[in-house]
Amino acid sequence: MLTQINRKLVINAYLLSKLRYMCPIWGTCPRSTKLQVEQMLRRAGRFVLKLQKYDTVKHEMSAELKWLFPDYMYQYELLNLAYSIFIKS
């Protein structure tokens, strides 16, 4: 049986790393695509937190897991890229 820490490590390694890598692509997609990404994140959050299918998970994902939702993740990655271009160069 996986502990919550191990479940979070698995999701961070397999799902969130790919979402962050592909963020510039799906970040500019239609709202329906962002909703699919958000649903995937919510399912992963429920898996990590061991919640049921219809339990609310939005607050727990941001407070406990420190995960960002798609719009905020896109903004964060975009600002991170701009910072690395302008400040570090």
Protein backbone atom coordinates (compact mmCIF):
# COMPACT_ATOMS: atom_id res chain seq x y z
CA MET A 1 0.00 0.00 0.00
CA LEU A 2 1.39 3.39 -0.97
CA THR A 3 1.49 6.19 1.56
CA GLN A 4 0.30 9.69 0.68
CA ILE A 5 3.89 10.86 0.23
CA ASN A 6 4.62 8.01 -2.19
CA ARG A 7 1.41 8.60 -4.14
CA LYS A 8 2.34 12.28 -4.45
CA LEU A 9 5.83 11.35 -5.68
CA VAL A 10 4.37 9.04 -8.33
CA ILE A 11 1.93 11.68 -9.60
CA ASN A 12 4.62 14.39 -9.56
CA ALA A 13 7.00 12.17 -11.52
CA TYR A 14 4.61 10.81 -14.13
CA LEU A 15 1.82 13.32 -14.55
CA LEU A 16 2.85 16.78 -13.37
CA SER A 17 6.25 16.66 -15.04
CA LYS A 18 4.61 16.02 -18.41
CA LEU A 19 1.94 18.66 -17.83
CA ARG A 20 4.56 21.27 -17.00
CA TYR A 21 6.62 20.29 -20.04
CA MET A 22 3.60 20.59 -22.34
CA CYS A 23 2.25 23.72 -20.64
CA PRO A 24 3.06 26.13 -23.51
CA ILE A 25 1.00 23.95 -25.86
CA TRP A 26 -2.13 23.24 -23.84
CA GLY A 27 -1.99 26.64 -22.11
CA THR A 28 -3.09 28.36 -25.31
CA CYS A 29 -5.73 25.74 -26.20
CA PRO A 30 -9.49 26.21 -25.99
CA ARG A 31 -11.24 26.20 -22.63
CA SER A 32 -12.54 22.65 -23.21
CA THR A 33 -8.98 21.32 -23.37
CA LYS A 34 -8.04 23.14 -20.17
CA LEU A 35 -11.07 21.59 -18.49
CA GLN A 36 -9.83 18.12 -19.48
CA VAL A 37 -6.43 18.90 -17.97
CA GLU A 38 -8.12 20.20 -14.82
CA GLN A 39 -10.24 17.05 -14.54
CA MET A 40 -7.09 14.95 -14.83
CA LEU A 41 -5.44 16.99 -12.07
CA ARG A 42 -8.49 16.64 -9.85
CA ARG A 43 -8.52 12.85 -10.34
CA ALA A 44 -4.83 12.72 -9.47
CA GLY A 45 -5.47 14.87 -6.39
CA ARG A 46 -8.22 12.54 -5.24
CA PHE A 47 -5.89 9.59 -5.74
CA VAL A 48 -3.14 11.18 -3.67
CA LEU A 49 -5.48 12.36 -0.90
CA LYS A 50 -7.57 9.14 -0.96
CA LEU A 51 -10.83 10.98 -1.55
CA GLN A 52 -13.97 9.65 -3.21
CA LYS A 53 -15.02 10.47 -6.75
CA TYR A 54 -17.38 13.33 -5.93
CA ASP A 55 -15.46 14.86 -3.01
CA THR A 56 -14.27 18.42 -3.51
CA VAL A 57 -10.55 18.59 -3.91
CA LYS A 58 -9.72 22.10 -5.12
CA HIS A 59 -8.76 23.61 -1.76
CA GLU A 60 -6.84 20.51 -0.64
CA MET A 61 -4.85 20.43 -3.87
CA SER A 62 -3.64 23.98 -3.45
CA ALA A 63 -3.21 23.92 0.33
CA GLU A 64 -1.84 20.44 1.04
CA LEU A 65 -0.27 19.35 -2.23
CA LYS A 66 0.84 22.82 -3.42
CA TRP A 67 -0.38 22.11 -6.97
CA LEU A 68 -1.49 24.79 -9.40
CA PHE A 69 -4.53 24.56 -11.63
CA PRO A 70 -4.05 24.80 -15.42
CA ASP A 71 -4.48 28.55 -15.88
CA TYR A 72 -2.17 29.36 -12.98
CA MET A 73 0.33 26.70 -14.03
CA TYR A 74 0.50 28.24 -17.50
CA GLN A 75 1.02 31.73 -16.05
CA TYR A 76 3.70 30.46 -13.68
CA GLU A 77 5.64 28.65 -16.40
CA LEU A 78 5.36 31.67 -18.72
CA LEU A 79 6.62 34.05 -16.04
CA ASN A 80 9.38 31.60 -15.12
CA LEU A 81 10.51 31.54 -18.75
CA ALA A 82 10.42 35.35 -18.99
CA TYR A 83 12.43 35.63 -15.78
CA SER A 84 15.07 33.25 -17.06
CA ILE A 85 15.33 35.13 -20.36
CA PHE A 86 15.45 38.69 -19.03
CA ILE A 87 17.08 38.40 -15.63
CA LYS A 88 19.53 35.55 -16.01
CA SER A 89 20.90 36.55 -19.40
